[in-house]
Amino acid sequence: MKRPSPDVSARPRRQRVLSDDERQLWESVAGQTRPLRKRRRPVKSEVAPDLESSGAVKLAATPKLISPSGIIVKRKSPPPPASLTRRERSQLSRGRKDIDARIDLHGMTQTRAHSALLRFLQNASGDGLTFVLVVTGKGRTTGPDSERGVLRRQVPQWFALPEFRSLVASFDEAHTGHGGEGALYVRLRRARA
């Protein structure tokens, strides 16, 4: 027969009384602490008085929003893309999740591939697609130009650029059935309405 375990949380906890030395030490340590992060204060709008009275506000070239209270708020750029979750990668490689579109960058120069990839991802995001496959190729392994895939190295670095950050949520190397080292699964961000 099992004995019922005593409920530990039901017992009142005694508080230890600090000595004078301990209290002084605690107060000196607590007085030296600083917050880990400072709260950001909203930036006040810097509008000339004559423009403010007429209601006209000149917008800067940088992406900023003006709140109803007249405070200028900078738009935050999305975080850099992360890796796909293990579950998403598994479902894509086994065909349980569909790859909505594909682009093949084989044989393109870096500048042409960059613009083609950006255009492709913008169109895919605009169409509401979730997962796309980007084929970069593995690169030449033999011959005088045996460089290992310039696009294969560059495309993941491009995803950290501002123009791609707003489109790409995460990416990971594709399964061998979809191109392996020479292809990437890309999960797109949901388009803002």
Protein backbone atom coordinates (compact mmCIF):
# COMPACT_ATOMS: atom_id res chain seq x y z
CA MET A 1 0.00 0.00 0.00
CA LYS A 2 1.37 3.38 -1.03
CA ARG A 3 1.47 6.21 1.41
CA PRO A 4 0.18 9.51 0.13
CA SER A 5 3.07 11.89 -0.36
CA PRO A 6 2.88 15.06 1.69
CA ASP A 7 2.02 18.16 -0.32
CA VAL A 8 5.21 20.21 -0.27
CA SER A 9 3.57 23.36 -1.62
CA ALA A 10 0.97 23.37 1.17
CA ARG A 11 3.60 23.89 3.88
CA PRO A 12 4.42 27.50 4.65
CA ARG A 13 8.00 28.39 3.88
CA ARG A 14 10.00 30.10 6.58
CA GLN A 15 11.92 33.15 5.55
CA ARG A 16 15.41 33.53 6.86
CA VAL A 17 16.18 36.80 8.55
CA LEU A 18 19.31 38.51 7.20
CA SER A 19 21.98 39.74 9.54
CA ASP A 20 23.11 43.37 9.39
CA ASP A 21 26.28 42.44 7.46
CA GLU A 22 24.30 40.40 4.94
CA ARG A 23 21.75 43.18 4.48
CA GLN A 24 24.50 45.76 3.85
CA LEU A 25 26.20 43.45 1.36
CA TRP A 26 22.90 42.84 -0.46
CA GLU A 27 22.10 46.55 -0.65
CA SER A 28 25.53 47.37 -2.07
CA VAL A 29 25.23 44.62 -4.72
CA ALA A 30 21.66 45.59 -5.61
CA GLY A 31 22.68 49.25 -5.96
CA GLN A 32 25.37 48.38 -8.52
CA THR A 33 23.11 46.43 -10.89
CA ARG A 34 22.03 47.75 -14.28
CA PRO A 35 19.17 46.53 -16.51
CA LEU A 36 20.18 44.06 -19.21
CA ARG A 37 18.33 45.90 -21.95
CA LYS A 38 17.22 49.45 -22.11
CA ARG A 39 13.71 50.09 -23.32
CA ARG A 40 13.61 51.84 -26.64
CA ARG A 41 11.93 55.18 -26.55
CA PRO A 42 9.86 56.18 -29.56
CA VAL A 43 11.53 58.74 -31.77
CA LYS A 44 9.65 62.04 -31.82
CA SER A 45 8.85 63.41 -35.22
CA GLU A 46 11.15 66.14 -36.42
CA VAL A 47 8.68 68.16 -38.45
CA ALA A 48 9.14 71.87 -39.03
CA PRO A 49 6.52 73.98 -37.18
CA ASP A 50 5.16 75.54 -40.40
CA LEU A 51 4.69 72.09 -42.00
CA GLU A 52 3.14 70.72 -38.83
CA SER A 53 0.47 73.42 -38.76
CA SER A 54 -0.45 72.90 -42.43
CA GLY A 55 -0.75 69.13 -41.93
CA ALA A 56 1.84 68.32 -44.60
CA VAL A 57 4.51 65.87 -43.56
CA LYS A 58 7.53 65.12 -45.72
CA LEU A 59 8.54 61.45 -45.68
CA ALA A 60 12.17 60.39 -45.75
CA ALA A 61 13.55 57.86 -48.23
CA THR A 62 14.04 55.25 -45.50
CA PRO A 63 11.02 53.08 -44.71
CA LYS A 64 9.31 54.75 -41.74
CA LEU A 65 5.78 54.80 -40.45
CA ILE A 66 4.05 57.72 -38.82
CA SER A 67 1.74 56.71 -36.02
CA PRO A 68 -1.52 58.59 -35.41
CA SER A 69 0.16 60.43 -32.52
CA GLY A 70 2.72 61.86 -35.00
CA ILE A 71 5.64 59.71 -33.84
CA ILE A 72 7.92 58.37 -36.58
CA VAL A 73 8.51 54.66 -36.18
CA LYS A 74 11.14 52.82 -38.22
CA ARG A 75 10.05 49.53 -39.76
CA LYS A 76 11.93 46.56 -38.44
CA SER A 77 13.55 44.35 -41.02
CA PRO A 78 12.70 40.66 -40.67
CA PRO A 79 15.24 38.42 -38.96
CA PRO A 80 17.72 36.52 -41.13
CA PRO A 81 16.47 33.16 -42.36
CA ALA A 82 17.01 30.11 -40.18
CA SER A 83 17.15 26.40 -41.01
CA LEU A 84 14.00 24.46 -41.75
CA THR A 85 12.65 22.42 -38.89
CA ARG A 86 13.54 18.76 -38.90
CA ARG A 87 9.89 17.87 -39.45
CA GLU A 88 9.48 20.18 -42.46
CA ARG A 89 12.65 18.88 -44.08
CA SER A 90 11.54 15.29 -43.52
CA GLN A 91 8.09 15.92 -44.96
CA LEU A 92 9.54 17.65 -48.03
CA SER A 93 12.08 14.90 -48.70
CA ARG A 94 9.44 12.16 -48.37
CA GLY A 95 6.93 13.99 -50.56
CA ARG A 96 4.40 14.53 -47.77
CA LYS A 97 4.60 18.30 -48.35
CA ASP A 98 4.49 19.61 -51.86
CA ILE A 99 7.17 21.77 -53.40
CA ASP A 100 5.07 24.54 -54.90
CA ALA A 101 7.61 25.82 -57.47
CA ARG A 102 11.19 25.31 -58.68
CA ILE A 103 13.92 27.43 -60.22
CA ASP A 104 17.09 26.14 -61.83
CA LEU A 105 20.07 28.51 -61.74
CA HIS A 106 22.47 26.17 -63.61
CA GLY A 107 24.82 27.97 -65.96
CA MET A 108 23.83 31.49 -64.91
CA THR A 109 26.27 34.20 -63.92
CA GLN A 110 26.03 35.52 -60.36
CA THR A 111 24.33 38.76 -61.37
CA ARG A 112 21.83 37.02 -63.63
CA ALA A 113 21.14 34.34 -61.01
CA HIS A 114 20.68 36.97 -58.29
CA SER A 115 18.07 38.92 -60.25
CA ALA A 116 16.31 35.74 -61.50
CA LEU A 117 16.13 34.32 -57.97
CA LEU A 118 14.83 37.58 -56.50
CA ARG A 119 12.15 37.87 -59.21
CA PHE A 120 11.18 34.20 -58.74
CA LEU A 121 10.86 34.52 -54.95
CA GLN A 122 8.85 37.75 -55.23
CA ASN A 123 6.42 36.10 -57.67
CA ALA A 124 6.17 32.96 -55.53
CA SER A 125 5.52 35.00 -52.40
CA GLY A 126 2.93 37.10 -54.23
CA ASP A 127 1.18 33.90 -55.34
CA GLY A 128 1.00 32.69 -51.74
CA LEU A 129 3.37 29.72 -52.17
CA THR A 130 5.01 28.19 -49.11
CA PHE A 131 7.85 25.87 -50.18
CA VAL A 132 10.04 26.28 -53.27
CA LEU A 133 13.11 24.45 -54.53
CA VAL A 134 16.15 26.44 -55.66
CA VAL A 135 18.57 24.37 -57.75
CA THR A 136 22.07 25.89 -57.69
CA GLY A 137 24.08 22.94 -59.00
CA LYS A 138 27.05 21.30 -57.31
CA GLY A 139 29.74 22.94 -59.43
CA ARG A 140 32.46 21.40 -61.56
CA THR A 141 34.51 18.69 -59.92
CA THR A 142 36.99 18.07 -62.76
CA GLY A 143 38.83 20.07 -65.38
CA PRO A 144 40.85 23.29 -65.24
CA ASP A 145 37.97 25.26 -63.65
CA SER A 146 37.33 22.84 -60.79
CA GLU A 147 35.76 25.47 -58.54
CA ARG A 148 33.10 23.98 -56.26
CA GLY A 149 29.87 25.77 -57.13
CA VAL A 150 29.93 29.54 -56.86
CA LEU A 151 26.13 29.74 -56.78
CA ARG A 152 26.01 26.91 -54.28
CA ARG A 153 28.08 29.05 -51.89
CA GLN A 154 26.53 32.41 -52.75
CA VAL A 155 22.78 31.71 -52.65
CA PRO A 156 22.65 31.00 -48.87
CA GLN A 157 24.60 34.25 -48.32
CA TRP A 158 22.14 36.15 -50.51
CA PHE A 159 19.27 35.06 -48.28
CA ALA A 160 20.73 37.24 -45.50
CA LEU A 161 20.53 40.37 -47.69
CA PRO A 162 17.67 42.81 -47.01
CA GLU A 163 15.93 42.20 -50.35
CA PHE A 164 15.71 38.46 -49.61
CA ARG A 165 15.04 38.69 -45.85
CA SER A 166 11.50 39.90 -46.45
CA LEU A 167 10.84 36.85 -48.64
CA VAL A 168 12.76 33.90 -47.13
CA ALA A 169 11.77 32.56 -43.70
CA SER A 170 14.06 29.52 -43.67
CA PHE A 171 16.06 27.24 -45.96
CA ASP A 172 18.01 24.00 -45.86
CA GLU A 173 19.90 21.64 -48.15
CA ALA A 174 17.61 19.45 -50.23
CA HIS A 175 17.31 15.67 -50.07
CA THR A 176 19.31 13.70 -52.64
CA GLY A 177 16.09 12.97 -54.54
CA HIS A 178 15.60 16.70 -55.07
CA GLY A 179 19.22 17.58 -55.88
CA GLY A 180 21.07 17.07 -52.60
CA GLU A 181 24.02 19.43 -52.15
CA GLY A 182 23.12 21.27 -55.33
CA ALA A 183 19.63 22.37 -54.25
CA LEU A 184 17.90 24.15 -51.39
CA TYR A 185 14.44 23.87 -49.88
CA VAL A 186 13.18 27.40 -49.19
CA ARG A 187 10.23 28.31 -46.98
CA LEU A 188 8.76 31.69 -47.92
CA ARG A 189 7.40 34.25 -45.48
CA ARG A 190 3.72 34.97 -45.61
CA ALA A 191 3.02 38.10 -47.58
CA ARG A 192 1.76 41.00 -45.46
CA ALA A 193 -1.67 42.29 -46.33
